Amino acid sequence: MPVSDTNNAGETASTGPIIPKSASEALRPEKVPQPPRRSRKARSQIVIFLNFLLTIVIFVTIAAIGIFYYGINSYREAGPLTQNTNFIVRNGAGLNEIAASLERNNAITDGRVFRILSRVYLDGETLKAGEYEIKAGASMHDIMELLKSGKSILYSVSVPEGLTVKQVFDRLQNDAILEGDLPAELPAEGSLMPDTYKFSRGTKRGEIVQQMLSAQQVMVDQIWEKRDPDLPITTREEFVTLASIVEKETARADERPRVAAVFLNRLKKGMRLQSDPTIIYGIFGGDGKPTDRAILQSDLDKATPYNTYVIKGLPPTPIAIVGRAALEAVANPSHTTDLYFVADGTGGHAFAKTLDEHNVNVKRWRKLEADKAAEAAKAAEGAKEEGQADPE
């Protein structure tokens, strides 16, 4: 009993009196105790660290803005070149190589700025190979736009009418800008188109040859389709062969249709063409006649496949490359009955329908040539006498 009383008393002392609660108070959640407060020292360390991070971020941002402004300004401002200069971008050159080369040649001030900002502006495009003329004071942006455009310096090689294919190849081989080897085998005579061909540095000689071949084929086909249906020639090969003879006979555009008519009239009558340029090609081939070599009487009788004083009809191949004017003259010749022509001493020709008329023209031409020779000899003699009379 006393033990029981002691226990009850102890329990009452430890728990205290029981205070009744209402239903709403019993359902109300108990207040969670607040966490212990941090010390002022701990709070100050976090603030200092956050302030440090913010300072770094601000500093980096300001530096980045400054660098970006410097880069944009440098990229857009006038460059260091004081005069126009040529710059070559080789095939396969990347942006790093180009930037380094530009800086090395003093075309830009900072290769890194050019490389980084050009990559942004190019947006996946590339700088094109070639040789470019960079203007004095050009900015990095100007240079990038120039190299991106591909508007490189253009050179040219002129191929006039009347050359042989071999002479054309010699001209291409001697061009110092063109690169690469020529085809090992010469194309067919007359298969190249005479023209002025433009190209950039790095162009291969074989590429120019291919352009000539393609262009000539297209031109011949176009003119052949519009030919006079009464022509006494039946193939494109004969067409080009006759046009090459007309090409070599006269350089005057207004005479070509009439010269073509003479040869076509002779073909219709079965007469030999008797063209001096065919004699020359038969003797000298694609090398051409030396300038100091005259046509001899013995040359007229020399038997070659090209000597139209000996053979009947056309020679086996053209004797030169042919231009549009000569081709059109053969395709649509003058409507005449002329069978002969000879030089008239003024750069043109005198035409005749009969041999008698032709002989008169030949006689007149020979007299003109004799008079010129006499005048030249007289002038040379006078110059010689004047030189001897001059005191030493």
Protein backbone atom coordinates (compact mmCIF):
# COMPACT_ATOMS: atom_id res chain seq x y z
CA MET A 1 0.00 0.00 0.00
CA PRO A 2 2.68 2.54 0.92
CA VAL A 3 4.64 1.42 -2.10
CA SER A 4 1.67 2.06 -4.26
CA ASP A 5 1.22 5.50 -2.81
CA THR A 6 4.84 6.32 -3.40
CA ASN A 7 4.60 5.33 -7.07
CA ASN A 8 1.47 7.34 -7.63
CA ALA A 9 3.02 10.31 -5.96
CA GLY A 10 6.18 10.03 -8.06
CA GLU A 11 4.20 9.77 -11.28
CA THR A 12 2.11 12.77 -10.30
CA ALA A 13 5.23 14.79 -9.49
CA SER A 14 6.93 13.96 -12.78
CA THR A 15 4.00 14.59 -15.07
CA GLY A 16 2.30 17.37 -13.22
CA PRO A 17 -1.35 17.95 -13.07
CA ILE A 18 -3.50 16.89 -15.96
CA ILE A 19 -5.23 19.85 -17.54
CA PRO A 20 -8.22 19.00 -19.65
CA LYS A 21 -8.24 20.34 -23.33
CA SER A 22 -11.06 21.12 -25.60
CA ALA A 23 -11.57 19.10 -28.79
CA SER A 24 -10.23 21.88 -31.06
CA GLU A 25 -7.14 22.33 -28.92
CA ALA A 26 -6.48 18.62 -28.97
CA LEU A 27 -6.56 18.54 -32.81
CA ARG A 28 -4.29 21.59 -33.25
CA PRO A 29 -0.70 20.60 -34.27
CA GLU A 30 1.98 21.27 -31.78
CA LYS A 31 4.45 24.09 -32.58
CA VAL A 32 7.73 22.84 -34.01
CA PRO A 33 10.66 24.28 -32.15
CA GLN A 34 12.92 26.62 -34.22
CA PRO A 35 16.41 25.45 -35.17
CA PRO A 36 19.23 26.91 -33.18
CA ARG A 37 20.37 30.29 -34.55
CA ARG A 38 23.69 30.49 -36.41
CA SER A 39 26.36 32.62 -35.03
CA ARG A 40 27.19 35.98 -36.56
CA LYS A 41 30.62 34.69 -37.49
CA ALA A 42 29.16 31.88 -39.62
CA ARG A 43 26.79 34.25 -41.42
CA SER A 44 29.61 36.68 -42.33
CA GLN A 45 31.74 33.94 -44.00
CA ILE A 46 28.93 32.96 -46.40
CA VAL A 47 28.27 36.58 -47.33
CA ILE A 48 31.95 37.15 -48.04
CA PHE A 49 32.12 34.06 -50.29
CA LEU A 50 28.97 35.06 -52.19
CA ASN A 51 30.29 38.56 -52.64
CA PHE A 52 33.53 37.12 -54.00
CA LEU A 53 31.68 34.98 -56.52
CA LEU A 54 29.57 37.95 -57.62
CA THR A 55 32.68 40.07 -58.02
CA ILE A 56 34.31 37.39 -60.19
CA VAL A 57 31.19 37.11 -62.35
CA ILE A 58 31.01 40.89 -62.83
CA PHE A 59 34.71 41.09 -63.58
CA VAL A 60 34.53 38.27 -66.14
CA THR A 61 31.45 39.82 -67.74
CA ILE A 62 33.12 43.22 -68.04
CA ALA A 63 36.29 41.59 -69.43
CA ALA A 64 34.26 39.57 -71.94
CA ILE A 65 32.42 42.69 -73.09
CA GLY A 66 35.71 44.53 -73.41
CA ILE A 67 37.31 41.72 -75.39
CA PHE A 68 34.24 41.41 -77.61
CA TYR A 69 34.23 45.16 -78.26
CA TYR A 70 37.95 45.10 -79.01
CA GLY A 71 37.51 42.16 -81.39
CA ILE A 72 34.59 43.69 -83.27
CA ASN A 73 36.34 47.04 -83.49
CA SER A 74 39.58 45.43 -84.72
CA TYR A 75 37.67 43.27 -87.19
CA ARG A 76 35.89 46.26 -88.72
CA GLU A 77 38.58 48.95 -88.61
CA ALA A 78 40.96 49.73 -91.48
CA GLY A 79 43.78 47.24 -91.88
CA PRO A 80 47.54 47.85 -91.95
CA LEU A 81 48.08 47.56 -95.72
CA THR A 82 49.34 50.77 -97.28
CA GLN A 83 49.04 49.56 -100.87
CA ASN A 84 47.11 46.95 -102.83
CA THR A 85 48.64 43.50 -102.60
CA ASN A 86 47.98 40.07 -104.08
CA PHE A 87 47.24 37.20 -101.72
CA ILE A 88 47.02 33.52 -102.66
CA VAL A 89 44.76 30.99 -100.93
CA ARG A 90 45.95 27.54 -101.88
CA ASN A 91 43.57 24.66 -102.54
CA GLY A 92 42.64 22.96 -99.28
CA ALA A 93 43.83 25.78 -97.02
CA GLY A 94 41.87 26.04 -93.75
CA LEU A 95 40.89 29.14 -91.81
CA ASN A 96 43.79 28.76 -89.36
CA GLU A 97 46.34 28.65 -92.17
CA ILE A 98 44.76 31.58 -94.01
CA ALA A 99 44.64 33.72 -90.86
CA ALA A 100 48.29 33.00 -90.06
CA SER A 101 49.34 33.78 -93.64
CA LEU A 102 47.40 37.06 -93.66
CA GLU A 103 49.04 38.15 -90.41
CA ARG A 104 52.46 37.08 -91.66
CA ASN A 105 51.97 39.20 -94.80
CA ASN A 106 50.86 42.18 -92.70
CA ALA A 107 47.38 42.19 -94.25
CA ILE A 108 45.73 41.93 -90.80
CA THR A 109 46.83 42.87 -87.27
CA ASP A 110 45.61 39.83 -85.33
CA GLY A 111 45.20 36.37 -86.78
CA ARG A 112 43.24 35.13 -83.76
CA VAL A 113 40.61 37.85 -84.10
CA PHE A 114 40.32 37.15 -87.83
CA ARG A 115 40.00 33.41 -87.25
CA ILE A 116 37.42 33.60 -84.45
CA LEU A 117 35.14 36.28 -85.90
CA SER A 118 35.40 34.98 -89.47
CA ARG A 119 34.18 31.62 -88.25
CA VAL A 120 31.16 33.39 -86.75
CA TYR A 121 30.44 35.44 -89.89
CA LEU A 122 30.98 32.54 -92.27
CA ASP A 123 28.35 30.44 -90.49
CA GLY A 124 29.46 27.21 -92.13
CA GLU A 125 30.65 28.69 -95.45
CA THR A 126 34.29 28.45 -96.53
CA LEU A 127 36.96 30.75 -97.90
CA LYS A 128 37.70 29.87 -101.53
CA ALA A 129 41.05 29.13 -103.11
CA GLY A 130 42.49 31.55 -105.63
CA GLU A 131 44.57 34.68 -105.97
CA TYR A 132 42.99 37.87 -104.65
CA GLU A 133 43.83 41.56 -104.79
CA ILE A 134 43.44 43.00 -101.28
CA LYS A 135 42.96 46.76 -101.33
CA ALA A 136 45.03 49.10 -99.19
CA GLY A 137 43.41 49.64 -95.79
CA ALA A 138 41.03 46.68 -96.18
CA SER A 139 39.55 45.58 -92.85
CA MET A 140 39.51 41.96 -91.69
CA HIS A 141 35.81 41.89 -92.48
CA ASP A 142 36.48 43.19 -96.02
CA ILE A 143 39.13 40.51 -96.53
CA MET A 144 36.84 37.78 -95.25
CA GLU A 145 34.06 38.87 -97.62
CA LEU A 146 36.52 38.95 -100.54
CA LEU A 147 37.85 35.45 -99.86
CA LYS A 148 34.34 34.13 -99.29
CA SER A 149 33.09 35.57 -102.60
CA GLY A 150 35.67 33.70 -104.68
CA LYS A 151 36.20 36.81 -106.84
CA SER A 152 39.83 36.06 -107.45
CA ILE A 153 42.14 37.78 -109.94
CA LEU A 154 41.45 36.61 -113.48
CA TYR A 155 44.19 36.11 -116.06
CA SER A 156 43.64 35.42 -119.73
CA VAL A 157 45.19 33.57 -122.63
CA SER A 158 44.30 34.61 -126.17
CA VAL A 159 44.01 32.00 -128.90
CA PRO A 160 43.47 33.68 -132.29
CA GLU A 161 41.92 32.09 -135.35
CA GLY A 162 44.28 30.45 -137.80
CA LEU A 163 46.72 28.87 -135.36
CA THR A 164 47.31 25.15 -135.50
CA VAL A 165 46.54 22.94 -132.52
CA LYS A 166 50.27 22.50 -131.91
CA GLN A 167 50.76 26.26 -131.86
CA VAL A 168 47.90 26.58 -129.36
CA PHE A 169 49.53 23.96 -127.12
CA ASP A 170 52.83 25.84 -127.31
CA ARG A 171 51.04 29.01 -126.21
CA LEU A 172 49.39 27.26 -123.26
CA GLN A 173 52.65 25.59 -122.25
CA ASN A 174 54.46 28.94 -122.19
CA ASP A 175 51.84 30.63 -120.02
CA ALA A 176 53.46 31.14 -116.62
CA ILE A 177 50.20 31.26 -114.63
CA LEU A 178 48.57 28.06 -115.86
CA GLU A 179 49.50 24.86 -114.07
CA GLY A 180 49.69 21.16 -114.88
CA ASP A 181 50.58 19.21 -117.97
CA LEU A 182 48.91 19.33 -121.35
CA PRO A 183 47.29 16.18 -122.77
CA ALA A 184 49.95 13.81 -124.05
CA GLU A 185 48.20 13.52 -127.40
CA LEU A 186 47.26 16.50 -129.56
CA PRO A 187 43.53 16.85 -130.26
CA ALA A 188 42.39 16.74 -133.88
CA GLU A 189 43.33 19.75 -135.97
CA GLY A 190 40.55 22.33 -136.00
CA SER A 191 38.88 20.93 -132.87
CA LEU A 192 39.75 23.86 -130.56
CA MET A 193 37.75 27.07 -130.41
CA PRO A 194 39.74 30.30 -130.80
CA ASP A 195 38.86 32.82 -128.11
CA THR A 196 40.23 34.68 -125.10
CA TYR A 197 39.97 32.39 -122.10
CA LYS A 198 39.91 33.84 -118.58
CA PHE A 199 41.12 31.82 -115.62
CA SER A 200 42.29 32.20 -112.03
CA ARG A 201 45.62 31.15 -110.60
CA GLY A 202 45.71 27.41 -110.09
CA THR A 203 43.77 26.58 -113.26
CA LYS A 204 45.13 23.53 -115.07
CA ARG A 205 46.17 23.64 -118.71
CA GLY A 206 44.06 20.57 -119.36
CA GLU A 207 40.99 22.47 -118.13
CA ILE A 208 41.50 25.18 -120.76
CA VAL A 209 41.93 22.57 -123.47
CA GLN A 210 38.69 20.91 -122.41
CA GLN A 211 36.88 24.25 -122.56
CA MET A 212 38.18 24.80 -126.09
CA LEU A 213 37.09 21.35 -127.24
CA SER A 214 33.59 21.66 -125.79
CA ALA A 215 33.03 25.20 -127.04
CA GLN A 216 34.14 24.34 -130.58
CA GLN A 217 31.88 21.29 -130.75
CA VAL A 218 28.86 23.34 -129.68
CA MET A 219 29.64 26.14 -132.14
CA VAL A 220 30.20 23.81 -135.10
CA ASP A 221 26.95 21.95 -134.40
CA GLN A 222 24.94 25.17 -134.15
CA ILE A 223 26.24 26.62 -137.42
CA TRP A 224 26.09 23.30 -139.28
CA GLU A 225 22.37 22.99 -138.48
CA LYS A 226 21.71 26.35 -140.20
CA ARG A 227 23.78 25.69 -143.33
CA ASP A 228 22.67 26.23 -146.92
CA PRO A 229 21.13 22.92 -148.05
CA ASP A 230 22.85 23.14 -151.45
CA LEU A 231 26.40 22.92 -150.12
CA PRO A 232 28.58 20.32 -151.89
CA ILE A 233 29.88 19.03 -148.54
CA THR A 234 28.14 16.35 -146.54
CA THR A 235 29.90 16.00 -143.18
CA ARG A 236 30.90 18.24 -140.30
CA GLU A 237 34.53 17.21 -140.84
CA GLU A 238 34.48 18.50 -144.43
CA PHE A 239 32.68 21.62 -143.21
CA VAL A 240 35.42 22.45 -140.68
CA THR A 241 38.18 21.57 -143.16
CA LEU A 242 36.91 24.00 -145.78
CA ALA A 243 36.32 26.68 -143.13
CA SER A 244 39.95 26.32 -142.01
CA ILE A 245 41.11 27.03 -145.58
CA VAL A 246 38.90 30.12 -145.74
CA GLU A 247 40.29 31.15 -142.34
CA LYS A 248 43.84 31.06 -143.65
CA GLU A 249 43.08 32.71 -146.99
CA THR A 250 41.70 36.02 -145.70
CA ALA A 251 41.53 37.98 -142.48
CA ARG A 252 38.77 40.27 -143.76
CA ALA A 253 35.34 39.36 -142.42
CA ASP A 254 33.54 40.98 -145.37
CA GLU A 255 35.45 38.77 -147.85
CA ARG A 256 35.05 35.41 -146.19
CA PRO A 257 31.62 34.52 -147.69
CA ARG A 258 32.94 35.32 -151.15
CA VAL A 259 36.17 33.37 -150.67
CA ALA A 260 34.08 30.45 -149.42
CA ALA A 261 31.90 30.73 -152.53
CA VAL A 262 34.96 30.42 -154.78
CA PHE A 263 36.05 27.15 -153.16
CA LEU A 264 32.51 25.75 -153.10
CA ASN A 265 32.04 26.62 -156.78
CA ARG A 266 35.29 24.83 -157.58
CA LEU A 267 34.18 21.75 -155.64
CA LYS A 268 30.92 21.67 -157.60
CA LYS A 269 32.82 21.82 -160.88
CA GLY A 270 35.42 19.26 -159.83
CA MET A 271 38.24 21.83 -159.99
CA ARG A 272 41.26 21.71 -157.70
CA LEU A 273 41.08 24.24 -154.87
CA GLN A 274 44.66 25.48 -155.41
CA SER A 275 44.99 27.09 -151.98
CA ASP A 276 48.48 28.19 -150.92
CA PRO A 277 47.86 27.63 -147.15
CA THR A 278 47.26 23.94 -147.84
CA ILE A 279 50.70 23.70 -149.44
CA ILE A 280 52.26 25.25 -146.33
CA TYR A 281 50.46 22.85 -143.97
CA GLY A 282 51.48 19.88 -146.10
CA ILE A 283 55.15 20.87 -145.83
CA PHE A 284 55.43 22.25 -142.30
CA GLY A 285 52.45 20.67 -140.53
CA GLY A 286 51.39 22.06 -137.19
CA ASP A 287 54.65 23.97 -136.69
CA GLY A 288 53.69 26.50 -139.34
CA LYS A 289 55.84 28.13 -141.99
CA PRO A 290 58.85 30.13 -140.79
CA THR A 291 58.28 33.83 -141.38
CA ASP A 292 61.37 34.16 -143.57
CA ARG A 293 60.44 31.22 -145.79
CA ALA A 294 58.77 32.04 -149.10
CA ILE A 295 56.59 29.61 -151.06
CA LEU A 296 58.69 28.29 -153.91
CA GLN A 297 57.52 27.13 -157.30
CA SER A 298 58.75 23.66 -156.41
CA ASP A 299 56.44 23.67 -153.38
CA LEU A 300 53.41 23.90 -155.67
CA ASP A 301 54.34 20.58 -157.24
CA LYS A 302 55.32 18.79 -154.03
CA ALA A 303 53.09 15.78 -153.47
CA THR A 304 51.57 15.87 -150.00
CA PRO A 305 48.07 14.83 -148.86
CA TYR A 306 47.33 18.53 -148.26
CA ASN A 307 48.60 20.10 -151.49
CA THR A 308 45.37 21.20 -153.20
CA TYR A 309 47.37 22.07 -156.32
CA VAL A 310 47.96 18.32 -156.65
CA ILE A 311 45.02 16.55 -154.99
CA LYS A 312 41.37 16.89 -155.94
CA GLY A 313 38.79 17.92 -153.38
CA LEU A 314 39.49 18.72 -149.75
CA PRO A 315 42.60 17.77 -147.75
CA PRO A 316 42.19 14.97 -145.19
CA THR A 317 41.91 17.28 -142.13
CA PRO A 318 41.57 20.97 -141.31
CA ILE A 319 44.75 23.02 -141.52
CA ALA A 320 44.06 25.37 -138.57
CA ILE A 321 41.61 26.17 -135.80
CA VAL A 322 38.53 27.99 -137.08
CA GLY A 323 36.50 30.95 -135.80
CA ARG A 324 32.79 31.59 -136.06
CA ALA A 325 33.06 33.98 -139.04
CA ALA A 326 34.81 31.44 -141.27
CA LEU A 327 32.36 28.69 -140.32
CA GLU A 328 29.37 30.93 -141.04
CA ALA A 329 30.91 31.99 -144.36
CA VAL A 330 31.10 28.35 -145.50
CA ALA A 331 27.66 27.50 -144.12
CA ASN A 332 26.07 30.43 -145.98
CA PRO A 333 28.41 31.64 -148.75
CA SER A 334 27.88 34.48 -151.16
CA HIS A 335 25.77 33.65 -154.21
CA THR A 336 28.36 34.24 -156.94
CA THR A 337 29.92 32.32 -159.82
CA ASP A 338 33.47 33.41 -158.97
CA LEU A 339 36.14 30.77 -159.48
CA TYR A 340 39.32 32.76 -158.82
CA PHE A 341 40.74 35.37 -156.50
CA VAL A 342 44.13 36.98 -155.98
CA ALA A 343 45.51 39.61 -153.62
CA ASP A 344 44.80 43.17 -154.77
CA GLY A 345 47.70 44.78 -152.92
CA THR A 346 45.50 46.59 -150.39
CA GLY A 347 44.85 43.75 -147.95
CA GLY A 348 41.87 42.41 -149.88
CA HIS A 349 41.34 40.28 -152.98
CA ALA A 350 40.27 40.74 -156.58
CA PHE A 351 37.70 38.11 -157.67
CA ALA A 352 37.08 36.75 -161.15
CA LYS A 353 34.62 34.45 -162.89
CA THR A 354 36.91 33.47 -165.76
CA LEU A 355 40.56 32.59 -166.11
CA ASP A 356 41.14 35.55 -168.45
CA GLU A 357 39.81 37.99 -165.86
CA HIS A 358 41.91 36.28 -163.22
CA ASN A 359 45.08 36.58 -165.30
CA VAL A 360 44.51 40.30 -165.65
CA ASN A 361 44.14 40.57 -161.88
CA VAL A 362 47.28 38.52 -161.35
CA LYS A 363 49.23 40.75 -163.72
CA ARG A 364 48.04 43.84 -161.87
CA TRP A 365 49.00 42.34 -158.54
CA ARG A 366 52.48 41.38 -159.76
CA LYS A 367 53.05 44.91 -160.99
CA LEU A 368 52.04 46.29 -157.59
CA GLU A 369 54.43 43.90 -155.90
CA ALA A 370 57.23 44.86 -158.29
CA ASP A 371 56.61 48.55 -157.66
CA LYS A 372 56.69 48.01 -153.90
CA ALA A 373 59.93 46.07 -154.18
CA ALA A 374 61.50 48.81 -156.32
CA GLU A 375 60.43 51.50 -153.84
CA ALA A 376 61.80 49.49 -150.93
CA ALA A 377 65.12 48.97 -152.71
CA LYS A 378 65.32 52.68 -153.57
CA ALA A 379 64.61 53.65 -149.95
CA ALA A 380 67.26 51.23 -148.72
CA GLU A 381 69.82 52.59 -151.17
CA GLY A 382 69.04 56.16 -150.13
CA ALA A 383 69.44 55.28 -146.46
CA LYS A 384 72.74 53.60 -147.22
CA GLU A 385 74.09 56.61 -149.12
CA GLU A 386 72.94 58.96 -146.36
CA GLY A 387 74.74 56.82 -143.79
CA GLN A 388 77.95 56.91 -145.78
CA ALA A 389 77.76 60.71 -146.15
CA ASP A 390 77.43 61.31 -142.39
CA PRO A 391 80.72 62.46 -140.83
CA GLU A 392 82.23 60.22 -138.19
